[in-house]
N, C-alpha and C. Protein backbone atom coordinates (compact mmCIF):
# COMPACT_ATOMS: atom_id res chain seq x y z
N UNK A 1 -26.98 1.63 -0.11
CA UNK A 1 -25.58 1.46 -0.31
C UNK A 1 -25.25 2.29 -1.59
N UNK A 2 -24.26 3.00 -1.67
CA UNK A 2 -23.92 3.76 -2.96
C UNK A 2 -23.93 3.02 -4.08
N UNK A 3 -24.17 3.31 -5.35
CA UNK A 3 -23.94 2.66 -6.44
C UNK A 3 -22.55 3.00 -7.08
N UNK A 4 -22.08 1.98 -7.87
CA UNK A 4 -20.52 2.14 -8.31
C UNK A 4 -20.29 3.56 -8.90
N UNK A 5 -21.22 4.14 -9.65
CA UNK A 5 -20.99 5.29 -10.16
C UNK A 5 -20.82 6.49 -9.01
N UNK A 6 -21.71 6.37 -8.14
CA UNK A 6 -21.68 7.20 -6.87
C UNK A 6 -20.36 7.19 -6.15
N UNK A 7 -19.89 6.00 -5.93
CA UNK A 7 -18.46 5.68 -5.42
C UNK A 7 -17.30 6.38 -6.22
N UNK A 8 -17.39 6.06 -7.47
CA UNK A 8 -16.47 6.71 -8.48
C UNK A 8 -16.45 8.27 -8.51
N UNK A 9 -17.73 8.85 -8.42
CA UNK A 9 -17.77 10.22 -8.29
C UNK A 9 -17.16 10.81 -7.02
N UNK A 10 -17.47 10.04 -5.90
CA UNK A 10 -16.77 10.32 -4.58
C UNK A 10 -15.28 10.32 -4.59
N UNK A 11 -14.84 9.25 -5.08
CA UNK A 11 -13.40 9.19 -5.37
C UNK A 11 -12.64 10.26 -6.18
N UNK A 12 -13.47 10.51 -7.28
CA UNK A 12 -12.83 11.64 -8.21
C UNK A 12 -12.94 13.00 -7.40
N UNK A 13 -13.81 13.28 -6.73
CA UNK A 13 -14.12 14.56 -5.93
C UNK A 13 -12.99 14.51 -4.96
N UNK A 14 -12.71 13.32 -4.22
CA UNK A 14 -11.47 13.36 -3.30
C UNK A 14 -10.27 13.77 -3.88
N UNK A 15 -10.00 12.94 -4.86
CA UNK A 15 -8.71 13.29 -5.67
C UNK A 15 -8.51 14.53 -6.02
N UNK A 16 -9.29 15.25 -6.52
CA UNK A 16 -9.30 16.71 -7.02
C UNK A 16 -9.19 17.58 -5.85
N UNK A 17 -9.99 17.38 -4.82
CA UNK A 17 -10.06 18.35 -3.73
C UNK A 17 -8.73 18.29 -2.79
N UNK A 18 -8.31 17.05 -2.76
CA UNK A 18 -7.25 16.84 -1.71
C UNK A 18 -5.73 16.68 -2.57
N UNK A 19 -5.61 17.14 -3.66
CA UNK A 19 -4.46 16.99 -4.61
C UNK A 19 -3.22 17.50 -3.89
N UNK A 20 -3.36 18.54 -2.98
CA UNK A 20 -2.19 18.96 -2.24
C UNK A 20 -1.64 17.89 -1.20
N UNK A 21 -2.61 17.23 -0.68
CA UNK A 21 -2.23 16.15 0.29
C UNK A 21 -1.46 15.07 -0.38
N UNK A 22 -1.98 14.73 -1.69
CA UNK A 22 -1.33 13.70 -2.47
C UNK A 22 0.00 14.17 -2.96
N UNK A 23 0.38 15.36 -3.20
CA UNK A 23 1.73 15.86 -3.23
C UNK A 23 2.64 15.55 -2.16
N UNK A 24 2.00 15.77 -0.95
CA UNK A 24 2.94 15.67 0.20
C UNK A 24 3.12 14.04 0.21
N UNK A 25 2.30 13.26 0.09
CA UNK A 25 2.53 11.94 0.37
C UNK A 25 3.38 11.41 -0.93
N UNK A 26 3.43 11.95 -1.88
CA UNK A 26 4.48 11.69 -3.07
C UNK A 26 5.88 12.00 -2.56
N UNK A 27 6.05 13.08 -1.96
CA UNK A 27 7.25 13.61 -1.48
C UNK A 27 7.62 12.66 -0.16
N UNK A 28 6.68 12.15 0.65
CA UNK A 28 7.03 11.29 1.72
C UNK A 28 7.50 10.04 1.20
N UNK A 29 6.92 9.35 0.41
CA UNK A 29 7.52 8.16 -0.17
C UNK A 29 8.77 8.36 -1.22
N UNK A 30 8.96 9.32 -1.83
CA UNK A 30 10.08 9.78 -2.46
C UNK A 30 11.18 9.85 -1.47
N UNK A 31 11.10 10.49 -0.47
CA UNK A 31 12.02 10.50 0.55
C UNK A 31 12.47 9.27 1.23
N UNK A 32 11.41 8.44 1.54
CA UNK A 32 11.73 7.14 2.04
C UNK A 32 12.52 6.25 0.73
N UNK A 33 12.16 6.49 -0.40
CA UNK A 33 12.92 5.70 -1.36
C UNK A 33 14.30 6.06 -1.51
N UNK A 34 14.35 7.36 -1.36
CA UNK A 34 15.89 7.80 -1.52
C UNK A 34 16.67 7.51 -0.28
N UNK A 35 16.09 7.51 0.93
CA UNK A 35 16.91 6.94 2.08
C UNK A 35 17.31 5.63 2.12
N UNK A 36 16.40 4.82 1.64
CA UNK A 36 16.69 3.45 1.43
C UNK A 36 17.77 3.07 0.25
N UNK A 37 17.66 3.80 -0.75
CA UNK A 37 18.69 3.75 -1.83
C UNK A 37 20.02 4.16 -1.13
N UNK A 38 20.18 5.19 -0.23
CA UNK A 38 21.29 5.54 0.18
C UNK A 38 21.95 4.85 1.38
N UNK A 39 21.28 3.49 1.40
CA UNK A 39 21.58 2.50 2.53
C UNK A 39 21.05 2.95 3.98
N UNK A 40 20.14 3.77 4.12
CA UNK A 40 19.48 3.96 5.37
C UNK A 40 18.66 2.57 5.85
N UNK A 41 18.93 2.06 6.97
CA UNK A 41 18.28 0.87 7.23
C UNK A 41 17.63 1.04 8.73
N UNK A 42 16.55 1.60 8.66
CA UNK A 42 15.76 1.66 10.15
C UNK A 42 15.36 0.41 10.71
N UNK A 43 15.20 0.47 11.99
CA UNK A 43 14.67 -0.71 12.53
C UNK A 43 13.45 -1.14 12.03
N UNK A 44 13.01 -2.41 12.02
CA UNK A 44 11.81 -3.01 11.59
C UNK A 44 10.47 -2.35 12.18
N UNK A 45 10.63 -1.98 13.50
CA UNK A 45 9.51 -1.55 14.14
C UNK A 45 9.14 -0.16 13.59
N UNK A 46 10.22 0.74 13.42
CA UNK A 46 10.07 2.18 12.78
C UNK A 46 9.73 1.94 11.22
N UNK A 47 10.12 1.23 10.53
CA UNK A 47 9.92 0.98 9.11
C UNK A 47 8.28 0.73 9.11
N UNK A 48 7.86 -0.14 10.00
CA UNK A 48 6.37 -0.56 10.06
C UNK A 48 5.48 0.69 10.18
N UNK A 49 6.01 1.43 11.21
CA UNK A 49 5.29 2.65 11.57
C UNK A 49 5.23 3.55 10.25
N UNK A 50 6.44 3.73 9.56
CA UNK A 50 6.45 4.57 8.48
C UNK A 50 5.46 4.30 7.39
N UNK A 51 5.46 2.88 7.22
CA UNK A 51 4.59 2.41 5.97
C UNK A 51 3.05 2.46 6.49
N UNK A 52 2.83 2.49 7.67
CA UNK A 52 1.42 2.27 8.04
C UNK A 52 0.74 3.61 7.93
N UNK A 53 1.56 4.64 8.25
CA UNK A 53 0.94 6.07 8.47
C UNK A 53 -0.09 6.50 7.29
N UNK A 54 0.47 6.14 6.19
CA UNK A 54 -0.47 6.70 4.93
C UNK A 54 -1.85 6.21 4.91
N UNK A 55 -1.95 5.07 5.59
CA UNK A 55 -3.47 4.31 5.43
C UNK A 55 -4.22 5.18 6.50
N UNK A 56 -3.73 5.81 7.63
CA UNK A 56 -4.41 6.74 8.53
C UNK A 56 -5.05 7.93 7.61
N UNK A 57 -4.13 8.38 6.85
CA UNK A 57 -4.51 9.53 5.70
C UNK A 57 -5.81 9.10 5.17
N UNK A 58 -5.95 7.88 4.59
CA UNK A 58 -6.94 7.30 3.73
C UNK A 58 -8.31 7.23 4.83
N UNK A 59 -8.01 6.83 5.75
CA UNK A 59 -9.12 6.66 6.86
C UNK A 59 -10.02 8.05 7.14
N UNK A 60 -9.09 9.05 7.18
CA UNK A 60 -9.51 10.50 7.52
C UNK A 60 -10.08 10.96 6.46
N UNK A 61 -9.62 10.83 4.93
CA UNK A 61 -10.44 11.33 4.11
C UNK A 61 -11.82 10.67 3.53
N UNK A 62 -11.69 9.32 3.91
CA UNK A 62 -12.89 8.43 3.81
C UNK A 62 -13.92 8.92 4.64
N UNK A 63 -13.49 9.09 5.82
CA UNK A 63 -14.57 9.53 6.83
C UNK A 63 -15.24 11.04 6.64
N UNK A 64 -14.46 11.91 6.13
CA UNK A 64 -14.76 13.15 5.74
C UNK A 64 -15.68 13.10 4.57
N UNK A 65 -15.45 12.25 3.61
CA UNK A 65 -16.14 12.09 2.46
C UNK A 65 -17.58 11.35 2.74
N UNK A 66 -17.93 10.94 3.76
CA UNK A 66 -19.09 10.12 4.14
C UNK A 66 -18.97 8.76 3.59
N UNK A 67 -17.69 8.18 3.84
CA UNK A 67 -17.55 6.60 3.34
C UNK A 67 -17.16 5.96 4.73
N UNK A 68 -18.21 5.52 5.64
CA UNK A 68 -17.79 5.01 6.87
C UNK A 68 -17.31 3.47 6.60
N UNK A 69 -17.69 2.89 5.55
CA UNK A 69 -17.27 1.48 5.41
C UNK A 69 -15.62 1.48 5.23
N UNK A 70 -15.20 2.24 4.31
CA UNK A 70 -13.80 2.29 4.08
C UNK A 70 -13.01 2.79 5.26
N UNK A 71 -13.66 3.69 5.90
CA UNK A 71 -12.91 4.37 6.95
C UNK A 71 -12.72 3.26 8.22
N UNK A 72 -13.71 2.20 8.37
CA UNK A 72 -13.73 1.41 9.18
C UNK A 72 -12.74 0.32 8.88
N UNK A 73 -12.87 -0.32 7.63
CA UNK A 73 -11.94 -1.24 7.37
C UNK A 73 -10.74 -0.90 7.19
N UNK A 74 -10.34 0.22 6.65
CA UNK A 74 -8.80 0.77 6.57
C UNK A 74 -8.31 0.99 8.02
N UNK A 75 -9.42 1.45 8.70
CA UNK A 75 -8.91 1.90 10.23
C UNK A 75 -8.50 0.57 10.92
N UNK A 76 -9.47 -0.44 10.69
CA UNK A 76 -8.78 -1.75 11.41
C UNK A 76 -7.65 -2.27 10.96
N UNK A 77 -7.50 -2.13 9.58
CA UNK A 77 -6.10 -2.61 9.02
C UNK A 77 -5.09 -1.89 9.68
N UNK A 78 -5.18 -0.54 9.49
CA UNK A 78 -4.05 0.54 10.14
C UNK A 78 -3.88 0.06 11.53
N UNK A 79 -4.78 -0.17 12.42
CA UNK A 79 -4.56 -0.46 13.81
C UNK A 79 -3.82 -1.87 13.85
N UNK A 80 -4.16 -2.76 13.08
CA UNK A 80 -3.62 -4.12 13.00
C UNK A 80 -2.12 -4.07 12.77
N UNK A 81 -1.74 -3.29 11.66
CA UNK A 81 -0.37 -3.22 11.09
C UNK A 81 0.21 -2.45 12.19
N UNK A 82 -0.26 -1.38 12.85
CA UNK A 82 0.37 -0.59 13.87
C UNK A 82 0.94 -1.58 15.20
N UNK A 83 -0.19 -2.41 15.46
CA UNK A 83 0.12 -3.33 16.50
C UNK A 83 1.29 -4.47 16.11
N UNK A 84 1.11 -4.91 14.92
CA UNK A 84 2.23 -5.75 14.46
C UNK A 84 3.52 -4.94 14.52
N UNK A 85 3.54 -3.80 13.99
CA UNK A 85 4.90 -3.10 13.95
C UNK A 85 5.45 -2.80 15.49
N UNK A 86 4.48 -2.58 16.33
CA UNK A 86 4.89 -2.27 17.80
C UNK A 86 5.73 -3.63 18.35
N UNK A 87 5.31 -4.81 17.76
CA UNK A 87 5.92 -5.93 18.35
C UNK A 87 7.15 -6.38 17.63
N UNK A 88 7.42 -5.58 16.57
CA UNK A 88 8.66 -5.96 15.78
C UNK A 88 10.00 -5.42 16.49
N UNK A 89 11.02 -6.40 16.13
CA UNK A 89 12.28 -5.89 16.74
C UNK A 89 12.84 -4.57 16.14
N UNK A 90 13.76 -4.01 16.93
CA UNK A 90 14.44 -2.69 16.28
C UNK A 90 15.62 -3.16 15.45
N UNK A 91 15.88 -4.30 15.09
CA UNK A 91 16.87 -4.75 14.44
C UNK A 91 16.67 -4.17 12.93
N UNK A 92 17.94 -3.68 12.39
CA UNK A 92 17.68 -3.22 11.12
C UNK A 92 17.17 -4.14 10.02
N UNK A 93 16.20 -3.44 9.16
CA UNK A 93 15.48 -4.27 8.07
C UNK A 93 16.63 -4.44 6.84
N UNK A 94 16.09 -5.61 6.08
CA UNK A 94 16.91 -5.86 4.98
C UNK A 94 15.94 -5.53 3.71
N UNK A 95 16.68 -5.40 2.50
CA UNK A 95 16.10 -5.15 1.35
C UNK A 95 16.03 -6.34 0.30
N UNK A 96 15.11 -6.45 -0.41
CA UNK A 96 15.27 -7.72 -1.53
C UNK A 96 16.34 -7.30 -2.45
N UNK A 97 16.94 -8.41 -3.06
CA UNK A 97 17.86 -8.00 -4.24
C UNK A 97 17.24 -8.89 -5.31
N UNK A 98 17.94 -8.52 -6.52
CA UNK A 98 17.67 -9.26 -7.64
C UNK A 98 16.22 -9.33 -8.20
N UNK A 99 15.65 -10.30 -8.77
CA UNK A 99 14.30 -10.17 -9.44
C UNK A 99 13.28 -9.81 -8.59
N UNK A 100 13.47 -9.94 -7.19
CA UNK A 100 12.37 -9.64 -6.30
C UNK A 100 12.13 -8.11 -6.18
N UNK A 101 13.19 -7.24 -6.65
CA UNK A 101 12.87 -5.78 -6.63
C UNK A 101 11.97 -5.50 -7.74
N UNK A 102 11.83 -6.17 -8.80
CA UNK A 102 10.82 -5.84 -9.90
C UNK A 102 9.54 -5.69 -9.63
N UNK A 103 8.83 -6.88 -9.07
CA UNK A 103 7.59 -6.55 -8.55
C UNK A 103 7.26 -5.58 -7.66
N UNK A 104 8.09 -5.45 -6.64
CA UNK A 104 8.03 -4.39 -5.68
C UNK A 104 8.06 -3.02 -6.07
N UNK A 105 9.15 -2.77 -6.88
CA UNK A 105 9.16 -1.39 -7.66
C UNK A 105 8.08 -1.13 -8.58
N UNK A 106 7.74 -2.16 -9.33
CA UNK A 106 6.40 -1.97 -10.33
C UNK A 106 5.22 -1.45 -9.19
N UNK A 107 4.91 -2.09 -8.28
CA UNK A 107 3.68 -1.67 -7.38
C UNK A 107 3.84 -0.41 -6.80
N UNK A 108 5.01 -0.01 -6.43
CA UNK A 108 5.36 1.40 -5.73
C UNK A 108 5.15 2.38 -6.83
N UNK A 109 5.72 2.25 -8.14
CA UNK A 109 5.62 3.28 -9.09
C UNK A 109 4.21 3.38 -9.68
N UNK A 110 3.58 2.08 -9.74
CA UNK A 110 2.14 2.08 -10.04
C UNK A 110 1.20 2.86 -9.30
N UNK A 111 1.24 2.76 -7.99
CA UNK A 111 0.47 3.45 -6.97
C UNK A 111 0.68 5.00 -7.04
N UNK A 112 2.11 5.33 -7.35
CA UNK A 112 2.48 6.76 -7.28
C UNK A 112 1.87 7.44 -8.60
N UNK A 113 1.81 6.56 -9.62
CA UNK A 113 1.31 7.47 -10.82
C UNK A 113 -0.05 6.93 -11.25
N UNK A 114 -0.87 6.29 -10.41
CA UNK A 114 -2.06 5.70 -10.48
C UNK A 114 -2.93 6.58 -11.32
N UNK A 115 -3.19 6.17 -12.63
CA UNK A 115 -3.90 6.99 -13.67
C UNK A 115 -5.51 7.10 -13.47
N UNK A 116 -5.99 7.41 -12.38
CA UNK A 116 -7.59 7.31 -12.28
C UNK A 116 -7.78 8.53 -11.34
N UNK A 117 -9.09 9.02 -11.63
CA UNK A 117 -9.85 9.88 -10.74
C UNK A 117 -9.44 11.30 -10.77
N UNK A 118 -8.46 11.70 -11.72
CA UNK A 118 -8.17 13.10 -11.87
C UNK A 118 -8.72 13.56 -13.09
N UNK A 119 -9.53 12.82 -13.70
CA UNK A 119 -10.15 13.35 -15.08
C UNK A 119 -9.25 13.48 -16.15
N UNK A 120 -9.34 14.60 -16.74
CA UNK A 120 -8.69 14.90 -17.98
C UNK A 120 -7.29 15.65 -17.58
N UNK A 121 -6.80 15.51 -16.41
CA UNK A 121 -5.37 16.05 -16.09
C UNK A 121 -4.43 15.41 -16.93
N UNK A 122 -3.31 16.26 -17.11
CA UNK A 122 -2.12 15.87 -17.95
C UNK A 122 -1.40 14.71 -17.20
N UNK A 123 -0.64 13.70 -18.14
CA UNK A 123 0.12 12.78 -17.66
C UNK A 123 1.10 13.29 -16.55
N UNK A 124 1.61 14.59 -16.72
CA UNK A 124 2.52 15.18 -15.68
C UNK A 124 2.04 15.30 -14.33
N UNK A 125 0.66 15.47 -14.40
CA UNK A 125 -0.05 15.97 -13.09
C UNK A 125 -0.14 14.47 -12.20
N UNK A 126 -0.38 13.24 -13.02
CA UNK A 126 -0.42 12.03 -12.23
C UNK A 126 0.96 11.71 -11.72
N UNK A 127 2.07 12.12 -12.11
CA UNK A 127 3.38 12.01 -11.62
C UNK A 127 3.49 12.67 -10.08
N UNK A 128 2.73 13.73 -9.62
CA UNK A 128 2.79 14.20 -8.43
C UNK A 128 1.49 14.39 -7.66
N UNK A 129 0.42 14.07 -8.30
CA UNK A 129 -0.82 14.38 -7.63
C UNK A 129 -1.89 13.01 -7.84
N UNK A 130 -1.39 11.84 -8.24
CA UNK A 130 -2.13 10.64 -8.08
C UNK A 130 -2.46 10.41 -6.60
N UNK A 131 -3.89 10.11 -6.55
CA UNK A 131 -4.41 10.10 -5.20
C UNK A 131 -3.91 9.13 -4.04
N UNK A 132 -2.50 9.14 -3.89
CA UNK A 132 -1.77 8.35 -3.00
C UNK A 132 -2.13 8.92 -1.52
N UNK A 133 -2.66 8.14 -0.51
CA UNK A 133 -2.97 8.69 0.68
C UNK A 133 -4.29 9.31 0.81
N UNK A 134 -5.15 8.97 -0.25
CA UNK A 134 -6.40 9.66 -0.40
C UNK A 134 -7.38 8.57 -0.63
N UNK A 135 -6.95 7.80 -1.70
CA UNK A 135 -7.94 6.72 -2.29
C UNK A 135 -7.14 5.42 -1.98
N UNK A 136 -8.18 4.34 -1.46
CA UNK A 136 -7.56 3.15 -0.84
C UNK A 136 -6.50 2.39 -2.02
N UNK A 137 -6.76 2.19 -3.26
CA UNK A 137 -6.10 1.35 -4.12
C UNK A 137 -4.68 1.77 -4.27
N UNK A 138 -4.53 3.06 -4.78
CA UNK A 138 -3.21 3.47 -4.99
C UNK A 138 -2.31 3.39 -3.82
N UNK A 139 -2.86 3.95 -2.54
CA UNK A 139 -2.11 3.83 -1.30
C UNK A 139 -1.82 2.42 -0.87
N UNK A 140 -2.71 1.40 -1.16
CA UNK A 140 -2.30 0.07 -0.77
C UNK A 140 -1.32 -0.52 -1.83
N UNK A 141 -1.28 -0.11 -3.22
CA UNK A 141 -0.37 -0.53 -4.04
C UNK A 141 1.06 0.01 -3.66
N UNK A 142 1.35 1.08 -3.24
CA UNK A 142 2.59 1.58 -2.76
C UNK A 142 2.94 0.72 -1.50
N UNK A 143 2.27 0.62 -0.56
CA UNK A 143 2.41 -0.32 0.53
C UNK A 143 2.73 -1.63 0.27
N UNK A 144 1.98 -2.12 -0.57
CA UNK A 144 2.12 -3.62 -0.85
C UNK A 144 3.66 -3.77 -1.62
N UNK A 145 3.94 -2.65 -2.56
CA UNK A 145 5.23 -2.58 -3.05
C UNK A 145 6.43 -2.53 -2.35
N UNK A 146 6.35 -1.63 -1.18
CA UNK A 146 7.44 -1.48 -0.41
C UNK A 146 7.60 -2.64 0.54
N UNK A 147 6.35 -3.38 0.86
CA UNK A 147 6.52 -4.76 1.74
C UNK A 147 7.06 -5.75 0.95
N UNK A 148 6.82 -5.86 -0.33
CA UNK A 148 7.68 -6.80 -0.99
C UNK A 148 9.15 -6.62 -1.16
N UNK A 149 9.51 -5.41 -1.28
CA UNK A 149 10.91 -4.89 -1.24
C UNK A 149 11.54 -5.20 0.16
N UNK A 150 10.85 -5.03 1.18
CA UNK A 150 11.38 -5.11 2.46
C UNK A 150 11.10 -6.26 3.18
N UNK A 151 10.41 -7.21 2.39
CA UNK A 151 10.05 -8.58 2.99
C UNK A 151 9.21 -8.64 4.15
N UNK A 152 8.30 -7.64 4.06
CA UNK A 152 7.18 -7.41 5.03
C UNK A 152 7.83 -7.25 6.40
N UNK A 153 9.09 -6.72 6.56
CA UNK A 153 9.98 -6.39 7.69
C UNK A 153 10.05 -7.83 8.53
N UNK A 154 10.01 -8.90 7.79
CA UNK A 154 10.16 -10.22 8.42
C UNK A 154 9.03 -10.71 9.28
N UNK A 155 7.92 -10.03 9.01
CA UNK A 155 6.67 -10.36 9.80
C UNK A 155 5.70 -11.16 8.84
N UNK A 156 5.32 -12.30 9.06
CA UNK A 156 4.30 -13.09 8.31
C UNK A 156 2.96 -12.43 8.41
N UNK A 157 2.68 -11.91 9.83
CA UNK A 157 1.18 -11.31 9.97
C UNK A 157 1.24 -9.91 9.31
N UNK A 158 2.24 -9.18 9.14
CA UNK A 158 2.07 -7.94 8.42
C UNK A 158 1.70 -8.21 6.79
N UNK A 159 2.52 -9.20 6.30
CA UNK A 159 2.27 -9.64 4.87
C UNK A 159 0.80 -10.04 4.56
N UNK A 160 0.35 -11.04 5.56
CA UNK A 160 -0.89 -11.67 5.43
C UNK A 160 -2.02 -10.31 5.57
N UNK A 161 -1.93 -9.61 6.49
CA UNK A 161 -2.94 -8.59 6.64
C UNK A 161 -2.92 -7.55 5.49
N UNK A 162 -1.65 -7.15 5.30
CA UNK A 162 -1.75 -6.20 4.17
C UNK A 162 -2.00 -6.75 2.87
N UNK A 163 -1.67 -8.00 2.51
CA UNK A 163 -1.88 -8.74 1.33
C UNK A 163 -3.46 -8.82 1.14
N UNK A 164 -4.01 -9.43 2.14
CA UNK A 164 -5.56 -9.49 2.24
C UNK A 164 -6.28 -8.32 2.07
N UNK A 165 -5.89 -7.04 2.41
CA UNK A 165 -6.52 -5.83 2.18
C UNK A 165 -6.46 -5.38 0.77
N UNK A 166 -5.17 -5.66 0.12
CA UNK A 166 -4.88 -5.33 -1.23
C UNK A 166 -5.81 -6.20 -2.08
N UNK A 167 -5.96 -7.61 -1.84
CA UNK A 167 -6.71 -8.33 -2.71
C UNK A 167 -8.25 -7.96 -2.56
N UNK A 168 -8.71 -7.53 -1.29
CA UNK A 168 -10.00 -7.09 -1.17
C UNK A 168 -10.29 -5.95 -2.08
N UNK A 169 -9.48 -4.90 -1.77
CA UNK A 169 -9.60 -3.63 -2.63
C UNK A 169 -9.59 -3.79 -4.01
N UNK A 170 -8.43 -4.50 -4.48
CA UNK A 170 -8.15 -4.73 -5.98
C UNK A 170 -9.38 -5.29 -6.70
N UNK A 171 -9.92 -6.44 -6.00
CA UNK A 171 -11.07 -7.12 -6.55
C UNK A 171 -12.29 -6.25 -6.58
N UNK A 172 -12.41 -5.50 -5.52
CA UNK A 172 -13.57 -4.55 -5.36
C UNK A 172 -13.52 -3.60 -6.46
N UNK A 173 -12.44 -3.00 -6.65
CA UNK A 173 -12.34 -1.86 -7.75
C UNK A 173 -12.48 -2.36 -9.03
N UNK A 174 -11.89 -3.57 -9.18
CA UNK A 174 -11.86 -4.10 -10.72
C UNK A 174 -13.41 -4.68 -11.05
N UNK A 175 -13.83 -5.42 -10.06
CA UNK A 175 -15.22 -6.10 -10.30
C UNK A 175 -16.18 -5.28 -10.12
N UNK A 176 -16.34 -4.51 -8.98
CA UNK A 176 -17.45 -3.72 -8.56
C UNK A 176 -17.56 -2.35 -9.36
N UNK A 177 -16.38 -1.70 -9.32
CA UNK A 177 -16.46 -0.26 -9.63
C UNK A 177 -15.99 -0.23 -11.19
N UNK A 178 -15.39 -1.50 -11.84
CA UNK A 178 -15.08 -1.50 -13.19
C UNK A 178 -13.86 -0.79 -13.43
N UNK A 179 -12.86 -0.57 -12.49
CA UNK A 179 -11.48 0.13 -12.62
C UNK A 179 -10.59 -1.04 -12.95
N UNK A 180 -10.27 -1.45 -14.18
CA UNK A 180 -9.48 -2.54 -14.70
C UNK A 180 -8.20 -2.45 -13.97
N UNK A 181 -7.62 -1.24 -13.86
CA UNK A 181 -6.25 -1.14 -13.28
C UNK A 181 -6.07 -1.77 -12.00
N UNK A 182 -7.14 -1.90 -11.26
CA UNK A 182 -7.11 -2.39 -9.80
C UNK A 182 -6.66 -3.85 -10.03
N UNK A 183 -6.77 -4.59 -11.03
CA UNK A 183 -6.17 -5.94 -11.15
C UNK A 183 -4.63 -5.94 -10.83
N UNK A 184 -4.03 -4.79 -11.03
CA UNK A 184 -2.49 -4.85 -10.75
C UNK A 184 -2.47 -4.93 -9.21
N UNK A 185 -3.07 -4.14 -8.52
CA UNK A 185 -3.12 -4.17 -6.97
C UNK A 185 -3.55 -5.61 -6.48
N UNK A 186 -4.41 -6.20 -7.03
CA UNK A 186 -4.91 -7.46 -6.78
C UNK A 186 -3.60 -8.68 -7.02
N UNK A 187 -3.28 -8.63 -8.18
CA UNK A 187 -2.04 -9.53 -8.46
C UNK A 187 -0.76 -9.18 -7.56
N UNK A 188 -0.48 -7.94 -7.37
CA UNK A 188 0.65 -7.64 -6.42
C UNK A 188 0.47 -8.26 -4.96
N UNK A 189 -0.85 -7.99 -4.55
CA UNK A 189 -1.16 -8.41 -3.36
C UNK A 189 -0.95 -10.03 -3.22
N UNK A 190 -1.52 -10.77 -4.32
CA UNK A 190 -1.29 -12.19 -4.35
C UNK A 190 0.12 -12.48 -4.24
N UNK A 191 0.93 -11.79 -4.86
CA UNK A 191 2.37 -12.03 -5.02
C UNK A 191 3.04 -11.88 -3.66
N UNK A 192 2.56 -10.75 -2.90
CA UNK A 192 2.89 -10.59 -1.37
C UNK A 192 2.57 -11.86 -0.68
N UNK A 193 1.45 -12.33 -0.74
CA UNK A 193 0.96 -13.49 -0.03
C UNK A 193 1.91 -14.72 -0.28
N UNK A 194 2.25 -14.74 -1.63
CA UNK A 194 3.07 -15.89 -2.06
C UNK A 194 4.47 -15.92 -1.44
N UNK A 195 4.89 -14.50 -1.41
CA UNK A 195 6.20 -14.40 -0.84
C UNK A 195 6.19 -14.61 0.79
N UNK A 196 5.10 -14.40 1.40
CA UNK A 196 4.97 -14.64 2.66
C UNK A 196 5.01 -16.13 2.88
N UNK A 197 4.32 -16.85 2.19
CA UNK A 197 4.21 -18.28 2.18
C UNK A 197 5.27 -19.04 1.95
N UNK A 198 6.34 -18.47 0.98
CA UNK A 198 7.55 -18.99 0.65
C UNK A 198 8.61 -18.78 1.93
N UNK A 199 8.53 -17.65 2.60
CA UNK A 199 9.24 -17.21 3.70
C UNK A 199 9.00 -18.16 4.88
N UNK A 200 7.75 -18.40 5.01
CA UNK A 200 7.15 -19.30 6.20
C UNK A 200 7.53 -20.61 5.91
N UNK A 201 7.56 -21.17 4.56
CA UNK A 201 7.90 -22.54 4.31
C UNK A 201 9.40 -22.83 4.49
N UNK A 202 10.11 -21.66 4.08
CA UNK A 202 11.66 -21.78 4.22
C UNK A 202 12.02 -21.77 5.74
N UNK A 203 11.36 -21.09 6.48
CA UNK A 203 11.67 -20.99 7.94
C UNK A 203 11.33 -22.22 8.61
N UNK A 204 10.25 -22.75 8.27
CA UNK A 204 9.78 -24.28 8.81
C UNK A 204 10.89 -25.13 8.51
N UNK A 205 11.17 -25.32 7.16
CA UNK A 205 12.19 -26.19 6.85
C UNK A 205 13.48 -26.12 7.46
N UNK A 206 13.92 -24.88 7.70
CA UNK A 206 15.17 -24.69 8.47
C UNK A 206 15.07 -24.95 9.80
N UNK A 207 14.00 -24.91 10.42
CA UNK A 207 13.61 -25.40 11.98
C UNK A 207 13.89 -26.91 12.07
N UNK A 208 13.09 -27.41 11.00
CA UNK A 208 12.99 -28.71 10.87
C UNK A 208 14.36 -29.42 10.84
N UNK A 209 15.24 -28.85 9.94
CA UNK A 209 16.65 -29.20 9.62
C UNK A 209 17.48 -29.22 10.96
N UNK A 210 17.12 -27.90 11.52
CA UNK A 210 17.94 -27.75 12.78
C UNK A 210 17.54 -28.71 14.06
């Protein structure tokens, strides 16, 4: 099994080698955020597909870098999210309002400027080349953030699966690799699971009253 230092070296090499891909994913998420801000409301099934695709990019880069564990784990998460998304209705999604936007936006921005693995790069470089779509933690951070904002597309299973993945990689990064920043992913994922629980409890209470 690779040592923490070897894993960190591999992740740093990936971030530097695939920085152009990171730029593409930054543009992808910026376009999504702009479209949502301009009142675009895709169907829940389409939104799930849009959010799940970046995980496939992480799976490919993990496989190419000789990391079958992450490729297998996130490959399974991607297939799970894709299967959930396939079953979602095509009704337009809704966006959180008020205080709920804060943790969601924080997680999205945190992932997009994730300040690790680019070495001595300038702060400006992280704005467009942070390893989103390449390294698990920043990618999951962005997806968790959008899921909070979009209410997990109304799917309890989506929130549970993505939240569990975020908790695992956040804890692994913080405890095993010593990347303290990954506690943000851990806490954001816990919040996502809390929101899923709240939504489930509210739905159950409504059904009981009805």
